Amino acid sequence: MAINDVRSYALKEARKELGLTASEMAEKLNTPFRTYQNWEYRGNFPGVVGSAVELMQENKRLKALVRAMRPF
C-alpha cells in the first residue's frame, strides 16, 4: 500500500471516529469541501492537517473521559 493510501485511509477513519461528515470536517479545518475531499481521496494533505486531526481526536477522548468522571 502506498504512503498516500495509508494517509488517505487514516484521515477518513479519523473523520469517522469523530462522527463528522466530510463537509463538517472541511468546515472544522477551515478548508473548501472539494479540497478536503481531495485530501481524503488522494492522501496528500499538509502535515498541519494531520496534526489538527490528531488534536481533534485527543479532544474527543478527553471530553469522554471527563463525562465518565462526572458524578451521577
C-alpha atoms as a PDB file:
ATOM      1  CA  MET A   1       0.000   0.000   0.000  1.00  0.00           C
ATOM      2  CA  ALA A   2       1.399   3.416  -0.968  1.00  0.00           C
ATOM      3  CA  ILE A   3       2.020   6.018   1.739  1.00  0.00           C
ATOM      4  CA  ASN A   4      -0.691   8.313   0.338  1.00  0.00           C
ATOM      5  CA  ASP A   5      -3.174   5.427   0.508  1.00  0.00           C
ATOM      6  CA  VAL A   6      -2.346   4.976   4.184  1.00  0.00           C
ATOM      7  CA  ARG A   7      -2.679   8.708   4.856  1.00  0.00           C
ATOM      8  CA  SER A   8      -5.961   8.843   2.937  1.00  0.00           C
ATOM      9  CA  TYR A   9      -7.357   5.906   4.930  1.00  0.00           C
ATOM     10  CA  ALA A  10      -6.167   7.405   8.235  1.00  0.00           C
ATOM     11  CA  LEU A  11      -7.808  10.760   7.501  1.00  0.00           C
ATOM     12  CA  LYS A  12     -11.114   9.143   6.583  1.00  0.00           C
ATOM     13  CA  GLU A  13     -11.071   6.873   9.644  1.00  0.00           C
ATOM     14  CA  ALA A  14     -10.252   9.803  11.919  1.00  0.00           C
ATOM     15  CA  ARG A  15     -13.190  11.736  10.493  1.00  0.00           C
ATOM     16  CA  LYS A  16     -15.492   8.772  11.086  1.00  0.00           C
ATOM     17  CA  GLU A  17     -14.167   8.364  14.637  1.00  0.00           C
ATOM     18  CA  LEU A  18     -15.033  11.998  15.268  1.00  0.00           C
ATOM     19  CA  GLY A  19     -18.537  11.378  13.927  1.00  0.00           C
ATOM     20  CA  LEU A  20     -18.234  14.020  11.211  1.00  0.00           C
ATOM     21  CA  THR A  21     -19.262  14.123   7.586  1.00  0.00           C
ATOM     22  CA  ALA A  22     -16.660  15.161   5.026  1.00  0.00           C
ATOM     23  CA  SER A  23     -18.407  18.522   4.767  1.00  0.00           C
ATOM     24  CA  GLU A  24     -18.308  19.054   8.541  1.00  0.00           C
ATOM     25  CA  MET A  25     -14.639  18.053   8.684  1.00  0.00           C
ATOM     26  CA  ALA A  26     -13.798  20.514   5.907  1.00  0.00           C
ATOM     27  CA  GLU A  27     -15.578  23.243   7.860  1.00  0.00           C
ATOM     28  CA  LYS A  28     -13.692  22.393  11.072  1.00  0.00           C
ATOM     29  CA  LEU A  29     -10.404  22.505   9.164  1.00  0.00           C
ATOM     30  CA  ASN A  30     -11.463  25.802   7.563  1.00  0.00           C
ATOM     31  CA  THR A  31     -10.927  24.491   4.059  1.00  0.00           C
ATOM     32  CA  PRO A  32     -13.159  24.192   0.992  1.00  0.00           C
ATOM     33  CA  PHE A  33     -15.080  20.927   0.832  1.00  0.00           C
ATOM     34  CA  ARG A  34     -13.570  19.982  -2.534  1.00  0.00           C
ATOM     35  CA  THR A  35     -10.051  20.462  -1.160  1.00  0.00           C
ATOM     36  CA  TYR A  36     -10.842  18.262   1.833  1.00  0.00           C
ATOM     37  CA  GLN A  37     -12.369  15.670  -0.475  1.00  0.00           C
ATOM     38  CA  ASN A  38      -9.133  15.579  -2.476  1.00  0.00           C
ATOM     39  CA  TRP A  39      -7.086  15.164   0.707  1.00  0.00           C
ATOM     40  CA  GLU A  40      -9.254  12.259   1.789  1.00  0.00           C
ATOM     41  CA  TYR A  41      -9.189  10.658  -1.655  1.00  0.00           C
ATOM     42  CA  ARG A  42      -5.528  11.223  -2.541  1.00  0.00           C
ATOM     43  CA  GLY A  43      -3.934  11.362   0.907  1.00  0.00           C
ATOM     44  CA  ASN A  44      -1.657  14.262   0.016  1.00  0.00           C
ATOM     45  CA  PHE A  45      -2.588  16.803   2.656  1.00  0.00           C
ATOM     46  CA  PRO A  46      -0.328  19.221   4.560  1.00  0.00           C
ATOM     47  CA  GLY A  47       1.242  17.963   7.780  1.00  0.00           C
ATOM     48  CA  VAL A  48      -0.593  20.594   9.772  1.00  0.00           C
ATOM     49  CA  VAL A  49      -3.883  18.944   8.763  1.00  0.00           C
ATOM     50  CA  GLY A  50      -2.728  15.651  10.229  1.00  0.00           C
ATOM     51  CA  SER A  51      -1.758  17.432  13.439  1.00  0.00           C
ATOM     52  CA  ALA A  52      -5.122  19.205  13.623  1.00  0.00           C
ATOM     53  CA  VAL A  53      -6.970  15.920  13.171  1.00  0.00           C
ATOM     54  CA  GLU A  54      -4.890  14.312  15.934  1.00  0.00           C
ATOM     55  CA  LEU A  55      -5.772  17.208  18.251  1.00  0.00           C
ATOM     56  CA  MET A  56      -9.484  16.832  17.453  1.00  0.00           C
ATOM     57  CA  GLN A  57      -9.291  13.104  18.237  1.00  0.00           C
ATOM     58  CA  GLU A  58      -7.497  13.762  21.538  1.00  0.00           C
ATOM     59  CA  ASN A  59     -10.059  16.426  22.435  1.00  0.00           C
ATOM     60  CA  LYS A  60     -12.878  13.959  21.832  1.00  0.00           C
ATOM     61  CA  ARG A  61     -11.181  11.340  24.040  1.00  0.00           C
ATOM     62  CA  LEU A  62     -10.631  13.881  26.833  1.00  0.00           C
ATOM     63  CA  LYS A  63     -14.254  15.017  26.714  1.00  0.00           C
ATOM     64  CA  ALA A  64     -15.394  11.389  27.003  1.00  0.00           C
ATOM     65  CA  LEU A  65     -13.080  10.897  29.981  1.00  0.00           C
ATOM     66  CA  VAL A  66     -14.444  13.986  31.740  1.00  0.00           C
ATOM     67  CA  ARG A  67     -18.034  12.842  31.113  1.00  0.00           C
ATOM     68  CA  ALA A  68     -17.201   9.419  32.573  1.00  0.00           C
ATOM     69  CA  MET A  69     -15.762  11.040  35.702  1.00  0.00           C
ATOM     70  CA  ARG A  70     -18.810  13.197  36.434  1.00  0.00           C
ATOM     71  CA  PRO A  71     -20.865  12.133  39.439  1.00  0.00           C
ATOM     72  CA  PHE A  72     -24.346  10.831  38.792  1.00  0.00           C
END
